[in-house]
N, C-alpha and C. Protein backbone atom coordinates (compact mmCIF):
# COMPACT_ATOMS: atom_id res chain seq x y z
N MET A 1 -89.27 -44.55 -29.93
CA MET A 1 -90.54 -43.72 -30.18
C MET A 1 -91.26 -44.40 -31.35
N SER A 2 -92.14 -44.29 -31.18
CA SER A 2 -93.45 -45.03 -32.33
C SER A 2 -94.98 -44.37 -32.97
N ALA A 3 -95.04 -45.33 -33.73
CA ALA A 3 -96.70 -44.53 -34.52
C ALA A 3 -97.62 -45.24 -33.71
N ARG A 4 -98.60 -44.23 -33.41
CA ARG A 4 -100.02 -44.05 -32.88
C ARG A 4 -101.15 -43.49 -33.17
N THR A 5 -102.42 -43.75 -32.84
CA THR A 5 -103.29 -43.26 -33.84
C THR A 5 -104.54 -43.14 -32.33
N GLY A 6 -105.42 -41.73 -32.69
CA GLY A 6 -106.35 -41.56 -31.99
C GLY A 6 -107.42 -40.84 -32.43
N GLY A 7 -108.02 -40.46 -31.67
CA GLY A 7 -109.07 -39.32 -32.02
C GLY A 7 -109.78 -39.11 -30.73
N CYS A 8 -110.93 -38.18 -31.31
CA CYS A 8 -111.89 -37.44 -30.28
C CYS A 8 -112.91 -38.38 -29.98
N LEU A 9 -113.60 -37.54 -28.99
CA LEU A 9 -114.90 -38.52 -28.17
C LEU A 9 -115.67 -38.86 -29.46
N CYS A 10 -116.23 -38.11 -30.38
CA CYS A 10 -117.09 -38.09 -31.18
C CYS A 10 -116.88 -39.17 -32.36
N GLY A 11 -115.19 -39.22 -32.52
CA GLY A 11 -115.25 -39.46 -33.73
C GLY A 11 -114.79 -38.91 -35.27
N ALA A 12 -115.30 -37.62 -35.04
CA ALA A 12 -115.00 -36.77 -36.31
C ALA A 12 -113.39 -35.94 -36.27
N VAL A 13 -112.57 -35.98 -35.44
CA VAL A 13 -111.38 -35.89 -35.71
C VAL A 13 -110.68 -37.31 -35.13
N ARG A 14 -109.73 -37.71 -36.43
CA ARG A 14 -108.75 -38.91 -36.19
C ARG A 14 -107.38 -38.46 -37.00
N PHE A 15 -106.23 -38.80 -35.69
CA PHE A 15 -105.00 -38.82 -35.88
C PHE A 15 -103.74 -39.75 -35.93
N GLU A 16 -102.89 -39.79 -37.34
CA GLU A 16 -101.77 -40.82 -36.62
C GLU A 16 -100.69 -39.71 -36.19
N ALA A 17 -100.03 -40.36 -35.49
CA ALA A 17 -98.50 -39.57 -35.33
C ALA A 17 -97.56 -40.62 -35.31
N THR A 18 -96.58 -40.31 -35.69
CA THR A 18 -95.37 -41.38 -36.23
C THR A 18 -94.09 -41.03 -35.48
N GLU A 19 -93.85 -40.03 -34.55
CA GLU A 19 -92.73 -39.79 -33.96
C GLU A 19 -93.14 -40.14 -32.12
N VAL A 20 -94.23 -40.42 -31.80
CA VAL A 20 -94.65 -40.51 -30.41
C VAL A 20 -93.30 -40.88 -29.38
N PRO A 21 -93.23 -39.88 -28.31
CA PRO A 21 -91.88 -40.63 -27.43
C PRO A 21 -93.24 -41.78 -26.40
N GLU A 22 -92.37 -41.99 -25.41
CA GLU A 22 -92.75 -43.33 -24.44
C GLU A 22 -93.15 -42.15 -23.35
N THR A 23 -92.77 -41.66 -22.66
CA THR A 23 -92.73 -40.32 -21.94
C THR A 23 -93.88 -39.56 -21.99
N PHE A 24 -94.55 -39.39 -20.80
CA PHE A 24 -95.63 -38.27 -20.75
C PHE A 24 -95.73 -37.48 -19.55
N GLY A 25 -96.21 -36.31 -19.17
CA GLY A 25 -96.04 -35.42 -18.05
C GLY A 25 -97.25 -34.85 -17.89
N ALA A 26 -97.61 -34.13 -16.25
CA ALA A 26 -98.44 -33.45 -16.35
C ALA A 26 -98.50 -31.96 -15.99
N CYS A 27 -99.19 -31.38 -16.88
CA CYS A 27 -99.13 -29.64 -16.16
C CYS A 27 -100.71 -29.41 -15.64
N HIS A 28 -99.84 -28.73 -14.15
CA HIS A 28 -101.03 -28.86 -13.35
C HIS A 28 -101.29 -26.84 -13.25
N CYS A 29 -100.85 -26.09 -14.44
CA CYS A 29 -101.41 -24.96 -14.46
C CYS A 29 -102.77 -24.77 -14.67
N GLU A 30 -103.45 -23.16 -14.34
CA GLU A 30 -105.07 -23.66 -14.32
C GLU A 30 -105.71 -23.14 -15.39
N MET A 31 -104.97 -22.98 -16.63
CA MET A 31 -105.49 -23.14 -17.79
C MET A 31 -105.59 -24.36 -18.26
N CYS A 32 -104.65 -25.41 -17.96
CA CYS A 32 -104.84 -26.52 -18.53
C CYS A 32 -105.91 -27.18 -17.79
N ARG A 33 -105.73 -27.18 -16.40
CA ARG A 33 -107.17 -27.80 -15.44
C ARG A 33 -108.17 -26.98 -16.10
N ARG A 34 -108.36 -25.80 -16.15
CA ARG A 34 -109.83 -25.75 -17.30
C ARG A 34 -110.27 -26.19 -18.14
N TRP A 35 -108.66 -26.67 -19.24
CA TRP A 35 -109.21 -27.14 -20.26
C TRP A 35 -109.83 -28.49 -20.17
N THR A 36 -108.90 -29.38 -19.48
CA THR A 36 -108.69 -30.74 -19.37
C THR A 36 -110.18 -31.13 -18.39
N GLY A 37 -110.38 -30.42 -17.34
CA GLY A 37 -111.22 -30.54 -16.20
C GLY A 37 -110.34 -31.13 -14.83
N SER A 38 -108.91 -31.10 -15.05
CA SER A 38 -107.99 -32.03 -14.14
C SER A 38 -106.42 -30.99 -14.78
N ALA A 39 -105.58 -32.18 -14.61
CA ALA A 39 -104.27 -31.97 -14.73
C ALA A 39 -104.37 -32.45 -16.35
N LEU A 40 -103.23 -31.95 -17.15
CA LEU A 40 -103.11 -31.89 -18.91
C LEU A 40 -102.08 -33.59 -18.44
N LEU A 41 -102.06 -34.30 -19.04
CA LEU A 41 -101.57 -35.67 -18.85
C LEU A 41 -101.40 -35.70 -20.38
N GLY A 42 -100.07 -35.10 -20.84
CA GLY A 42 -99.73 -34.94 -22.12
C GLY A 42 -98.56 -35.75 -22.78
N VAL A 43 -98.38 -35.98 -23.84
CA VAL A 43 -96.92 -36.19 -24.42
C VAL A 43 -96.72 -35.25 -25.71
N THR A 44 -95.38 -34.73 -25.90
CA THR A 44 -94.85 -34.04 -26.71
C THR A 44 -94.48 -34.43 -28.14
N VAL A 45 -95.26 -34.58 -28.92
CA VAL A 45 -95.22 -35.31 -30.30
C VAL A 45 -95.14 -33.73 -31.35
N PRO A 46 -93.84 -34.22 -32.27
CA PRO A 46 -93.33 -33.44 -32.94
C PRO A 46 -94.59 -33.03 -34.28
N LEU A 47 -94.79 -31.84 -34.45
CA LEU A 47 -95.79 -31.30 -34.96
C LEU A 47 -96.23 -31.81 -36.39
N GLU A 48 -94.87 -32.06 -37.18
CA GLU A 48 -94.88 -32.82 -38.30
C GLU A 48 -94.80 -33.86 -38.35
N SER A 49 -95.00 -34.66 -37.66
CA SER A 49 -95.50 -36.00 -37.42
C SER A 49 -96.85 -36.31 -37.16
N VAL A 50 -97.56 -35.67 -37.09
CA VAL A 50 -98.87 -35.79 -36.52
C VAL A 50 -99.77 -35.67 -38.33
N THR A 51 -100.65 -36.29 -38.32
CA THR A 51 -101.60 -36.08 -40.13
C THR A 51 -102.87 -36.31 -39.42
N TRP A 52 -103.99 -35.73 -39.78
CA TRP A 52 -105.49 -35.41 -39.14
C TRP A 52 -106.25 -35.80 -39.97
N GLU A 53 -107.59 -36.30 -39.70
CA GLU A 53 -108.51 -36.09 -40.31
C GLU A 53 -109.47 -35.80 -40.05
N GLY A 54 -110.38 -35.27 -40.84
CA GLY A 54 -111.46 -34.27 -40.13
C GLY A 54 -111.27 -33.00 -39.81
N ALA A 55 -109.72 -32.39 -40.06
CA ALA A 55 -109.36 -31.22 -39.55
C ALA A 55 -110.40 -29.87 -39.94
N ASP A 56 -111.44 -29.97 -40.68
CA ASP A 56 -112.46 -29.21 -40.51
C ASP A 56 -113.50 -28.96 -39.17
N SER A 57 -113.44 -30.30 -38.65
CA SER A 57 -113.74 -30.22 -36.98
C SER A 57 -112.75 -30.20 -35.90
N ILE A 58 -111.90 -29.27 -36.58
CA ILE A 58 -110.54 -28.81 -35.06
C ILE A 58 -110.89 -27.41 -35.15
N GLY A 59 -111.51 -27.00 -33.95
CA GLY A 59 -111.48 -25.20 -33.54
C GLY A 59 -110.13 -25.20 -32.93
N ARG A 60 -109.58 -24.04 -32.97
CA ARG A 60 -108.48 -23.17 -32.24
C ARG A 60 -108.72 -22.22 -31.12
N LEU A 61 -108.25 -21.97 -30.12
CA LEU A 61 -108.47 -20.79 -29.25
C LEU A 61 -106.98 -20.55 -29.09
N GLN A 62 -106.60 -19.21 -29.55
CA GLN A 62 -105.28 -18.50 -28.86
C GLN A 62 -105.52 -17.89 -27.10
N SER A 63 -105.41 -19.14 -26.55
CA SER A 63 -105.18 -18.99 -24.97
C SER A 63 -104.33 -18.31 -24.30
N SER A 64 -103.38 -17.66 -25.03
CA SER A 64 -102.69 -16.80 -24.80
C SER A 64 -101.66 -15.86 -25.60
N ASP A 65 -101.38 -14.75 -25.44
CA ASP A 65 -100.38 -14.22 -26.44
C ASP A 65 -99.13 -15.25 -27.55
N TRP A 66 -99.02 -16.37 -26.80
CA TRP A 66 -98.00 -16.89 -27.36
C TRP A 66 -98.54 -18.25 -27.74
N ALA A 67 -99.55 -18.87 -27.20
CA ALA A 67 -99.85 -20.37 -27.49
C ALA A 67 -101.31 -20.27 -27.58
N GLU A 68 -101.89 -21.83 -28.43
CA GLU A 68 -103.07 -22.16 -28.87
C GLU A 68 -103.60 -23.20 -28.51
N ARG A 69 -104.62 -23.67 -27.88
CA ARG A 69 -105.57 -25.04 -27.44
C ARG A 69 -106.41 -25.36 -28.75
N ALA A 70 -106.53 -26.65 -28.86
CA ALA A 70 -107.48 -26.90 -30.27
C ALA A 70 -107.84 -28.19 -29.59
N PHE A 71 -109.34 -28.03 -29.98
CA PHE A 71 -110.64 -29.04 -29.53
C PHE A 71 -111.11 -29.66 -30.93
N CYS A 72 -112.26 -30.37 -30.36
CA CYS A 72 -113.26 -31.33 -31.50
C CYS A 72 -114.05 -30.12 -31.65
N SER A 73 -114.81 -29.21 -32.46
CA SER A 73 -115.96 -28.47 -32.53
C SER A 73 -117.16 -29.13 -32.07
N ARG A 74 -117.00 -30.91 -32.29
CA ARG A 74 -118.18 -31.26 -32.42
C ARG A 74 -118.59 -31.56 -30.98
N CYS A 75 -117.24 -32.27 -30.04
CA CYS A 75 -117.51 -33.02 -28.85
C CYS A 75 -116.98 -32.02 -27.66
N GLY A 76 -115.82 -31.36 -28.17
CA GLY A 76 -115.08 -30.61 -27.40
C GLY A 76 -114.01 -31.05 -27.07
N SER A 77 -113.70 -32.17 -27.12
CA SER A 77 -112.44 -33.09 -26.54
C SER A 77 -111.00 -32.33 -27.05
N PRO A 78 -110.36 -31.64 -25.75
CA PRO A 78 -109.44 -31.41 -26.19
C PRO A 78 -108.17 -32.01 -27.13
N LEU A 79 -107.53 -31.37 -28.00
CA LEU A 79 -107.01 -32.20 -29.10
C LEU A 79 -105.39 -31.83 -29.05
N TYR A 80 -104.84 -30.81 -29.12
CA TYR A 80 -103.56 -30.27 -28.31
C TYR A 80 -103.48 -28.80 -27.96
N TYR A 81 -102.28 -28.62 -27.42
CA TYR A 81 -101.82 -27.63 -26.71
C TYR A 81 -100.94 -27.17 -28.07
N HIS A 82 -100.36 -26.00 -28.49
CA HIS A 82 -99.27 -25.61 -29.41
C HIS A 82 -98.76 -24.76 -29.35
N VAL A 83 -97.45 -24.14 -28.75
CA VAL A 83 -97.29 -22.78 -28.58
C VAL A 83 -96.72 -22.11 -29.88
N THR A 84 -97.47 -21.05 -30.31
CA THR A 84 -97.41 -20.22 -31.73
C THR A 84 -95.97 -19.27 -31.62
N ALA A 85 -95.56 -18.81 -30.68
CA ALA A 85 -94.66 -17.81 -30.71
C ALA A 85 -93.07 -18.81 -31.52
N GLU A 86 -92.47 -18.09 -32.15
CA GLU A 86 -91.55 -18.71 -32.74
C GLU A 86 -90.44 -19.12 -31.60
N GLY A 87 -89.60 -20.51 -32.16
CA GLY A 87 -89.02 -20.98 -30.80
C GLY A 87 -88.76 -22.33 -31.18
N PRO A 88 -88.13 -23.16 -30.61
CA PRO A 88 -87.98 -24.86 -30.94
C PRO A 88 -89.52 -24.99 -30.36
N MET A 89 -89.93 -24.51 -29.50
CA MET A 89 -91.01 -25.36 -28.59
C MET A 89 -92.48 -25.13 -29.81
N ALA A 90 -92.35 -24.29 -30.75
CA ALA A 90 -93.44 -24.47 -31.52
C ALA A 90 -93.29 -25.19 -33.17
N GLU A 91 -92.45 -26.43 -32.70
CA GLU A 91 -92.21 -27.26 -33.75
C GLU A 91 -92.88 -28.92 -32.99
N ASN A 92 -93.75 -28.35 -31.71
CA ASN A 92 -94.35 -29.67 -30.93
C ASN A 92 -96.20 -29.50 -30.64
N LEU A 93 -96.45 -30.28 -30.88
CA LEU A 93 -97.88 -30.50 -29.89
C LEU A 93 -97.92 -31.14 -28.38
N GLU A 94 -98.45 -30.32 -27.58
CA GLU A 94 -98.70 -31.45 -26.43
C GLU A 94 -99.66 -32.06 -26.34
N MET A 95 -100.03 -33.19 -26.67
CA MET A 95 -101.41 -33.97 -26.71
C MET A 95 -101.74 -35.02 -25.42
N PRO A 96 -103.38 -34.53 -25.22
CA PRO A 96 -103.81 -35.57 -24.06
C PRO A 96 -103.54 -36.61 -24.01
N ILE A 97 -102.70 -37.83 -23.31
CA ILE A 97 -102.91 -39.18 -23.89
C ILE A 97 -103.94 -40.20 -23.80
N GLY A 98 -105.15 -39.57 -23.36
CA GLY A 98 -106.13 -39.80 -23.35
C GLY A 98 -107.00 -40.25 -24.60
N LEU A 99 -106.11 -39.29 -25.48
CA LEU A 99 -106.48 -39.01 -27.13
C LEU A 99 -105.95 -40.63 -27.75
N PHE A 100 -105.46 -41.01 -27.13
CA PHE A 100 -104.51 -42.36 -28.28
C PHE A 100 -105.72 -43.32 -28.09
N ASP A 101 -105.64 -44.26 -29.31
CA ASP A 101 -106.21 -45.40 -29.43
C ASP A 101 -105.91 -46.25 -28.16
N ASP A 102 -104.68 -46.43 -27.89
CA ASP A 102 -103.98 -47.61 -26.41
C ASP A 102 -103.08 -46.59 -26.16
N PRO A 103 -103.49 -45.59 -25.02
CA PRO A 103 -102.68 -45.02 -24.11
C PRO A 103 -102.05 -46.00 -23.10
N SER A 104 -101.77 -47.56 -23.34
CA SER A 104 -100.70 -48.32 -22.49
C SER A 104 -98.93 -47.89 -22.80
N GLY A 105 -98.42 -48.27 -21.82
CA GLY A 105 -96.98 -47.86 -22.13
C GLY A 105 -96.58 -46.67 -22.13
N PHE A 106 -97.22 -45.98 -21.98
CA PHE A 106 -96.14 -44.64 -21.43
C PHE A 106 -95.86 -44.48 -20.36
N VAL A 107 -94.73 -43.90 -20.06
CA VAL A 107 -94.00 -43.66 -18.46
C VAL A 107 -94.55 -42.29 -18.39
N PHE A 108 -94.66 -42.18 -16.55
CA PHE A 108 -95.12 -40.80 -16.50
C PHE A 108 -93.56 -40.43 -15.87
N THR A 109 -92.70 -39.09 -16.32
CA THR A 109 -91.46 -38.77 -15.95
C THR A 109 -91.32 -37.48 -15.73
N ASN A 110 -92.76 -36.56 -15.72
CA ASN A 110 -92.31 -35.22 -15.11
C ASN A 110 -93.68 -34.24 -14.71
N GLU A 111 -93.69 -33.59 -13.88
CA GLU A 111 -95.09 -32.56 -13.71
C GLU A 111 -94.42 -31.45 -13.65
N ILE A 112 -95.42 -30.49 -14.12
CA ILE A 112 -94.94 -29.10 -14.25
C ILE A 112 -95.93 -27.95 -13.20
N TYR A 113 -95.66 -26.97 -13.14
CA TYR A 113 -96.66 -26.18 -12.49
C TYR A 113 -97.24 -26.81 -11.17
N ILE A 114 -96.12 -27.65 -10.34
CA ILE A 114 -96.72 -28.52 -9.01
C ILE A 114 -96.94 -27.61 -8.17
N ASP A 115 -96.48 -26.23 -7.79
CA ASP A 115 -97.15 -25.23 -7.06
C ASP A 115 -98.28 -24.73 -7.36
N ASN A 116 -99.35 -25.26 -8.40
CA ASN A 116 -100.54 -24.87 -8.32
C ASN A 116 -101.46 -26.17 -8.58
N LYS A 117 -100.83 -27.10 -8.33
CA LYS A 117 -101.66 -28.18 -8.28
C LYS A 117 -102.67 -28.37 -7.19
N PRO A 118 -103.91 -28.65 -7.65
CA PRO A 118 -104.72 -28.52 -6.38
C PRO A 118 -104.07 -29.66 -4.99
N ASP A 119 -104.40 -29.24 -3.84
CA ASP A 119 -104.44 -30.36 -2.90
C ASP A 119 -105.10 -31.14 -2.50
N SER A 120 -106.11 -31.61 -3.37
CA SER A 120 -107.18 -32.54 -3.22
C SER A 120 -106.48 -33.81 -3.86
N PHE A 121 -105.65 -33.89 -4.56
CA PHE A 121 -105.03 -34.78 -5.67
C PHE A 121 -103.30 -34.80 -5.58
N ALA A 122 -102.69 -36.02 -5.76
CA ALA A 122 -101.28 -36.37 -5.90
C ALA A 122 -101.48 -37.89 -6.53
N TYR A 123 -100.36 -37.77 -7.36
CA TYR A 123 -99.49 -38.61 -8.10
C TYR A 123 -98.47 -39.27 -7.47
N ALA A 124 -98.41 -40.47 -7.19
CA ALA A 124 -97.74 -41.60 -6.54
C ALA A 124 -96.42 -41.62 -7.68
N GLY A 125 -95.36 -41.85 -6.72
CA GLY A 125 -94.14 -42.28 -7.90
C GLY A 125 -92.91 -40.93 -7.81
N ASP A 126 -91.87 -41.54 -8.16
CA ASP A 126 -90.77 -40.37 -8.42
C ASP A 126 -90.89 -39.97 -10.06
N ARG A 127 -90.57 -38.84 -10.22
CA ARG A 127 -90.71 -37.78 -11.07
C ARG A 127 -89.88 -36.57 -10.64
N THR A 128 -89.66 -35.99 -12.03
CA THR A 128 -89.19 -34.83 -11.99
C THR A 128 -90.34 -33.69 -12.13
N ARG A 129 -90.83 -32.88 -10.49
CA ARG A 129 -91.39 -31.73 -10.27
C ARG A 129 -90.57 -30.81 -10.46
N LEU A 130 -91.56 -29.66 -11.35
CA LEU A 130 -91.05 -28.21 -11.26
C LEU A 130 -92.17 -27.51 -10.96
N THR A 131 -91.74 -26.11 -10.26
CA THR A 131 -92.88 -24.61 -9.92
C THR A 131 -92.64 -24.40 -11.15
N ARG A 132 -93.94 -23.41 -11.59
CA ARG A 132 -94.28 -22.35 -11.99
C ARG A 132 -92.73 -21.89 -12.49
N LYS A 133 -92.42 -20.96 -11.84
CA LYS A 133 -91.19 -20.35 -11.84
C LYS A 133 -89.97 -21.15 -12.61
N GLU A 134 -89.96 -22.43 -12.15
CA GLU A 134 -88.91 -23.20 -12.90
C GLU A 134 -89.18 -23.36 -13.75
N THR A 135 -90.48 -24.00 -14.45
CA THR A 135 -90.80 -24.11 -15.63
C THR A 135 -90.89 -23.46 -16.87
N LEU A 136 -91.28 -21.89 -16.18
CA LEU A 136 -90.91 -20.82 -17.06
C LEU A 136 -89.36 -20.87 -17.39
N ALA A 137 -88.59 -21.04 -16.29
CA ALA A 137 -87.26 -20.51 -16.60
C ALA A 137 -86.90 -21.64 -17.11
N LYS A 138 -87.07 -22.65 -17.37
CA LYS A 138 -86.58 -24.39 -18.08
C LYS A 138 -86.96 -23.55 -19.47
N PHE A 139 -87.93 -22.99 -19.98
CA PHE A 139 -88.19 -22.82 -21.54
C PHE A 139 -88.03 -21.30 -22.01
N GLY A 140 -87.31 -20.77 -20.89
CA GLY A 140 -86.57 -19.00 -21.17
C GLY A 140 -87.94 -18.06 -21.27
N ILE A 141 -88.74 -18.57 -20.64
CA ILE A 141 -90.08 -17.05 -20.57
C ILE A 141 -89.85 -16.61 -19.28
N ALA A 142 -90.40 -15.13 -19.80
CA ALA A 142 -90.03 -14.16 -18.86
C ALA A 142 -91.33 -14.04 -18.03
N GLU A 143 -91.52 -14.31 -16.85
CA GLU A 143 -92.89 -13.51 -16.12
C GLU A 143 -93.71 -12.51 -17.03
N GLY A 144 -93.23 -11.53 -17.07
CA GLY A 144 -93.72 -10.70 -18.10
C GLY A 144 -94.06 -11.00 -19.15
N ASP A 145 -93.88 -12.08 -19.91
CA ASP A 145 -94.26 -12.51 -21.01
C ASP A 145 -95.56 -12.93 -21.06
N LEU A 146 -95.94 -13.19 -19.99
CA LEU A 146 -97.30 -14.41 -19.62
C LEU A 146 -98.38 -13.28 -20.15
N GLN A 147 -99.78 -13.78 -20.65
CA GLN A 147 -100.78 -12.86 -20.44
C GLN A 147 -101.62 -14.06 -20.22
């Protein structure tokens, strides 16, 4: 893990994250595709390791009963996905790797919701790939819990 800095497109929101892992993954779910305009290429960062500058420019959308998405209220840059329901997933933020000032050095290790991926693109290489059903099971989420 290492410390990294980053920010949104317009610079109104900046951050420093002190416990950034070297790995990232892709989420192909419909919400992430609509939120980012493609797959979310994100790194999981402990919530407590991130400090924010310009927090007054962070907008939040409760995108489901159990999670929120944050964005810069000035330029619209996606900032993070955060599980708001109780449990260990709530201790992390999923942050787009494009926000980091230097996104070099990350290793692409997994893709989720692979059965929701549009057939118009694919990523080369071997990595763990989970379907929607497998992803939900991994995180202990029942299909009926999703809204």
